[in-house]
Amino acid sequence: MSIDIVNLLETLAGLTATLIALLAVYRSLTIGKSLVSRMYRTRAYWLAVLMIIFAVFSTVPTTSTIESDISGILFFMFLFALLIFIDSNVTVGREIDFFHKDVLHWHALRIPLFVVIVAGTAIAIVALFDSVVSTTGIGFIVYFAILGVVFTYSGATMLAIARRTYDRTMKIFVKMLGFAILSYVLFLTLFIPLDAVYPYLGDVVTSFIAIAAAYFFYRAAMSLSPIGRIEKEI
């Protein structure tokens, strides 16, 4: 595959994902302003913050060392913000559940998950700034495999909450969030085997997967709009 075609496809996919993310930011902020319920308003504003980081990360070039470092920092910021947001949604889901059950034992496993991500990311940051990280190294592959496991579990937890909750708005919101997270898992991990099969194939495919992730985040934001319209009318 020509490097020029690869760059063009990646650029187009990146711009599309960025535009969707920015639209999600706008919708989240406008909907959040109209929400009376603190629980839903917090969902909207958290999502806006996530999408801002997502959009900036998608637009930062990586042609120089400094730009690559900035891109890496934004990537790690998004991981932590997403994980904290997931934890917040699990807590809300547990509060509105009649039996207050711990879905998929999240609260029992959340501390180990955070520790693994923090420790792994700290090592990755040191490697990034020491310029010793390699996209073909075992450590690199293990790190992204761990991210894949953690966020697959997180996405599954969101979908499990969607099945359990009787709150229709929360059900749709966490369902869309679950799909967004699982799409992001593919973005994080699929490029490794695809690039091993054919150079640059993974970069192109995951660039378009980023569009799917941004779309589901946008759908999550829009799922709060009926609540905003109703409360604004009241």
Protein backbone atom coordinates (compact mmCIF):
# COMPACT_ATOMS: atom_id res chain seq x y z
CA MET A 1 0.00 0.00 0.00
CA SER A 2 1.45 3.38 -1.03
CA ILE A 3 2.56 5.57 1.86
CA ASP A 4 0.81 8.55 0.21
CA ILE A 5 -2.50 6.67 0.14
CA VAL A 6 -1.99 5.61 3.76
CA ASN A 7 -1.35 9.20 4.84
CA LEU A 8 -4.38 10.44 2.91
CA LEU A 9 -6.72 7.82 4.39
CA GLU A 10 -5.40 8.42 7.91
CA THR A 11 -5.81 12.17 7.50
CA LEU A 12 -9.37 11.88 6.21
CA ALA A 13 -10.34 9.43 8.94
CA GLY A 14 -8.71 11.58 11.60
CA LEU A 15 -10.52 14.71 10.43
CA THR A 16 -13.85 12.87 10.35
CA ALA A 17 -13.36 11.49 13.87
CA THR A 18 -12.33 14.95 15.09
CA LEU A 19 -15.41 16.61 13.60
CA ILE A 20 -17.70 14.03 15.21
CA ALA A 21 -15.91 14.48 18.54
CA LEU A 22 -16.27 18.27 18.34
CA LEU A 23 -19.97 17.87 17.54
CA ALA A 24 -20.23 15.62 20.61
CA VAL A 25 -18.56 18.36 22.68
CA TYR A 26 -21.07 20.94 21.45
CA ARG A 27 -24.05 18.66 22.06
CA SER A 28 -22.79 17.63 25.50
CA LEU A 29 -22.34 21.24 26.63
CA THR A 30 -25.65 22.50 25.24
CA ILE A 31 -27.57 19.54 26.62
CA GLY A 32 -25.75 19.73 29.95
CA LYS A 33 -26.80 23.37 30.40
CA SER A 34 -30.47 22.40 30.15
CA LEU A 35 -30.28 19.51 32.60
CA VAL A 36 -31.58 19.98 36.13
CA SER A 37 -30.51 16.57 37.41
CA ARG A 38 -26.92 16.71 38.67
CA MET A 39 -26.45 13.04 37.77
CA TYR A 40 -27.18 13.58 34.07
CA ARG A 41 -25.53 17.00 33.92
CA THR A 42 -22.29 15.45 35.21
CA ARG A 43 -22.51 12.72 32.51
CA ALA A 44 -22.81 15.41 29.83
CA TYR A 45 -19.92 17.56 31.07
CA TRP A 46 -17.63 14.58 31.62
CA LEU A 47 -18.32 13.45 28.09
CA ALA A 48 -17.51 16.93 26.79
CA VAL A 49 -14.11 16.84 28.51
CA LEU A 50 -13.39 13.39 27.08
CA MET A 51 -14.27 14.48 23.57
CA ILE A 52 -12.10 17.60 23.82
CA ILE A 53 -9.10 15.42 24.67
CA PHE A 54 -10.10 12.97 21.91
CA ALA A 55 -10.34 15.77 19.33
CA VAL A 56 -7.04 17.39 20.28
CA PHE A 57 -5.26 14.03 20.27
CA SER A 58 -6.63 13.30 16.79
CA THR A 59 -5.32 16.59 15.38
CA VAL A 60 -1.84 16.76 16.94
CA PRO A 61 0.80 15.86 14.31
CA THR A 62 3.62 13.47 15.18
CA THR A 63 6.27 14.64 12.73
CA SER A 64 8.68 15.80 15.46
CA THR A 65 9.80 14.46 18.83
CA ILE A 66 8.01 17.21 20.75
CA GLU A 67 4.77 16.64 18.85
CA SER A 68 5.03 12.88 19.49
CA ASP A 69 5.54 13.55 23.20
CA ILE A 70 2.48 15.84 23.31
CA SER A 71 0.44 13.21 21.46
CA GLY A 72 1.56 10.58 23.97
CA ILE A 73 0.60 12.76 26.94
CA LEU A 74 -2.85 13.41 25.45
CA PHE A 75 -3.26 9.67 24.88
CA PHE A 76 -2.49 8.90 28.53
CA MET A 77 -4.78 11.73 29.68
CA PHE A 78 -7.63 10.26 27.67
CA LEU A 79 -7.04 6.79 29.15
CA PHE A 80 -7.22 8.06 32.73
CA ALA A 81 -10.17 10.38 32.08
CA LEU A 82 -12.07 7.53 30.42
CA LEU A 83 -11.32 5.11 33.25
CA ILE A 84 -12.45 7.61 35.89
CA PHE A 85 -15.59 8.35 33.87
CA ILE A 86 -16.35 4.63 33.61
CA ASP A 87 -15.95 4.27 37.38
CA SER A 88 -18.31 7.21 37.89
CA ASN A 89 -20.95 5.63 35.66
CA VAL A 90 -20.67 2.30 37.48
CA THR A 91 -21.23 4.13 40.78
CA VAL A 92 -24.31 5.90 39.38
CA GLY A 93 -25.61 2.63 37.94
CA ARG A 94 -25.22 0.98 41.35
CA GLU A 95 -27.04 3.84 43.10
CA ILE A 96 -30.10 3.69 40.85
CA ASP A 97 -30.20 -0.12 40.90
CA PHE A 98 -32.89 -1.36 43.31
CA PHE A 99 -30.61 -4.04 44.80
CA HIS A 100 -27.41 -1.92 44.57
CA LYS A 101 -25.51 -4.85 43.10
CA ASP A 102 -21.86 -4.56 42.13
CA VAL A 103 -22.08 -5.21 38.37
CA LEU A 104 -19.40 -7.69 37.22
CA HIS A 105 -17.64 -7.13 40.58
CA TRP A 106 -16.38 -3.74 39.36
CA HIS A 107 -15.89 -2.23 42.82
CA ALA A 108 -13.95 -5.28 43.92
CA LEU A 109 -11.60 -5.03 40.92
CA ARG A 110 -11.40 -1.26 40.35
CA ILE A 111 -8.35 -0.67 42.56
CA PRO A 112 -6.24 -3.41 40.90
CA LEU A 113 -7.31 -2.07 37.49
CA PHE A 114 -6.24 1.46 38.35
CA VAL A 115 -2.94 0.23 39.81
CA VAL A 116 -2.15 -1.82 36.70
CA ILE A 117 -2.96 1.08 34.36
CA VAL A 118 -1.06 3.65 36.46
CA ALA A 119 2.02 1.43 36.81
CA GLY A 120 2.01 0.41 33.15
CA THR A 121 1.49 3.97 31.97
CA ALA A 122 4.24 5.33 34.23
CA ILE A 123 6.67 2.86 32.66
CA ALA A 124 5.40 3.75 29.19
CA ILE A 125 5.88 7.50 29.84
CA VAL A 126 9.46 6.95 31.01
CA ALA A 127 10.12 4.86 27.90
CA LEU A 128 8.47 7.51 25.72
CA PHE A 129 10.62 10.37 26.97
CA ASP A 130 13.78 8.25 26.98
CA SER A 131 13.01 7.36 23.33
CA VAL A 132 13.44 3.65 24.06
CA VAL A 133 9.88 2.57 23.27
CA SER A 134 9.48 0.42 20.16
CA THR A 135 6.26 -0.46 18.38
CA THR A 136 7.65 -3.95 17.83
CA GLY A 137 8.90 -4.58 21.35
CA ILE A 138 7.37 -7.11 23.73
CA GLY A 139 6.79 -4.43 26.37
CA PHE A 140 4.81 -2.32 23.89
CA ILE A 141 2.63 -5.24 22.88
CA VAL A 142 2.06 -6.32 26.50
CA TYR A 143 1.08 -2.78 27.51
CA PHE A 144 -1.55 -2.47 24.78
CA ALA A 145 -2.77 -6.00 25.48
CA ILE A 146 -3.33 -4.97 29.11
CA LEU A 147 -5.20 -1.86 27.97
CA GLY A 148 -7.32 -4.08 25.74
CA VAL A 149 -8.25 -6.38 28.62
CA VAL A 150 -9.01 -3.52 31.03
CA PHE A 151 -11.20 -1.57 28.63
CA THR A 152 -12.93 -4.65 27.24
CA TYR A 153 -13.95 -5.43 30.82
CA SER A 154 -14.99 -1.77 31.26
CA GLY A 155 -17.11 -1.82 28.10
CA ALA A 156 -18.71 -5.10 29.14
CA THR A 157 -19.55 -3.54 32.51
CA MET A 158 -21.30 -0.63 30.78
CA LEU A 159 -23.37 -3.04 28.68
CA ALA A 160 -24.21 -5.09 31.80
CA ILE A 161 -25.45 -1.94 33.54
CA ALA A 162 -27.55 -1.13 30.46
CA ARG A 163 -29.27 -4.50 30.77
CA ARG A 164 -29.94 -4.10 34.50
CA THR A 165 -31.10 -0.51 34.89
CA TYR A 166 -34.74 0.49 34.56
CA ASP A 167 -33.85 4.13 33.88
CA ARG A 168 -34.36 4.41 30.12
CA THR A 169 -32.03 7.37 29.63
CA MET A 170 -29.23 5.82 31.67
CA LYS A 171 -29.78 2.53 29.84
CA ILE A 172 -29.21 4.10 26.41
CA PHE A 173 -26.37 6.30 27.66
CA VAL A 174 -24.25 3.50 29.13
CA LYS A 175 -25.10 1.21 26.20
CA MET A 176 -23.71 3.76 23.71
CA LEU A 177 -20.76 4.36 26.03
CA GLY A 178 -20.12 0.62 26.12
CA PHE A 179 -20.09 0.42 22.32
CA ALA A 180 -17.74 3.44 22.20
CA ILE A 181 -15.34 1.82 24.66
CA LEU A 182 -15.31 -1.50 22.83
CA SER A 183 -14.66 0.34 19.56
CA TYR A 184 -11.79 2.12 21.29
CA VAL A 185 -10.41 -1.27 22.38
CA LEU A 186 -10.18 -2.23 18.71
CA PHE A 187 -8.46 1.08 18.02
CA LEU A 188 -5.93 0.31 20.77
CA THR A 189 -5.15 -3.27 19.84
CA LEU A 190 -6.12 -4.22 16.29
CA PHE A 191 -3.25 -2.36 14.61
CA ILE A 192 -0.67 -4.73 16.13
CA PRO A 193 -1.75 -7.95 14.35
CA LEU A 194 -2.82 -6.07 11.20
CA ASP A 195 0.53 -4.33 10.81
CA ALA A 196 2.22 -7.70 11.28
CA VAL A 197 0.18 -9.05 8.36
CA TYR A 198 0.68 -6.05 6.07
CA PRO A 199 2.60 -2.79 6.75
CA TYR A 200 0.39 0.25 7.48
CA LEU A 201 -2.81 -1.82 7.24
CA GLY A 202 -3.44 -1.49 10.97
CA ASP A 203 -2.92 2.28 10.90
CA VAL A 204 -5.56 2.71 8.20
CA VAL A 205 -8.12 0.33 9.70
CA THR A 206 -7.84 1.71 13.23
CA SER A 207 -8.13 5.27 11.92
CA PHE A 208 -11.59 4.38 10.64
CA ILE A 209 -12.41 2.53 13.87
CA ALA A 210 -11.75 5.85 15.64
CA ILE A 211 -14.68 7.24 13.64
CA ALA A 212 -16.94 4.52 15.06
CA ALA A 213 -15.75 5.26 18.60
CA ALA A 214 -16.39 9.01 18.16
CA TYR A 215 -19.84 8.26 16.72
CA PHE A 216 -20.89 6.15 19.70
CA PHE A 217 -19.62 8.83 22.10
CA TYR A 218 -21.76 11.30 20.15
CA ARG A 219 -24.76 8.97 20.42
CA ALA A 220 -24.17 8.75 24.18
CA ALA A 221 -24.31 12.54 24.41
CA MET A 222 -27.47 12.70 22.31
CA SER A 223 -29.17 10.07 24.50
CA LEU A 224 -29.39 12.74 27.21
CA SER A 225 -31.27 15.22 24.98
CA PRO A 226 -34.83 14.02 25.76
CA ILE A 227 -34.17 14.67 29.46
CA GLY A 228 -32.88 18.14 28.58
CA ARG A 229 -35.93 19.02 26.51
CA ILE A 230 -38.38 17.77 29.13
CA GLU A 231 -36.66 19.54 32.04
CA LYS A 232 -36.31 22.76 30.06
CA GLU A 233 -40.04 22.73 29.28
CA ILE A 234 -40.90 22.09 32.94
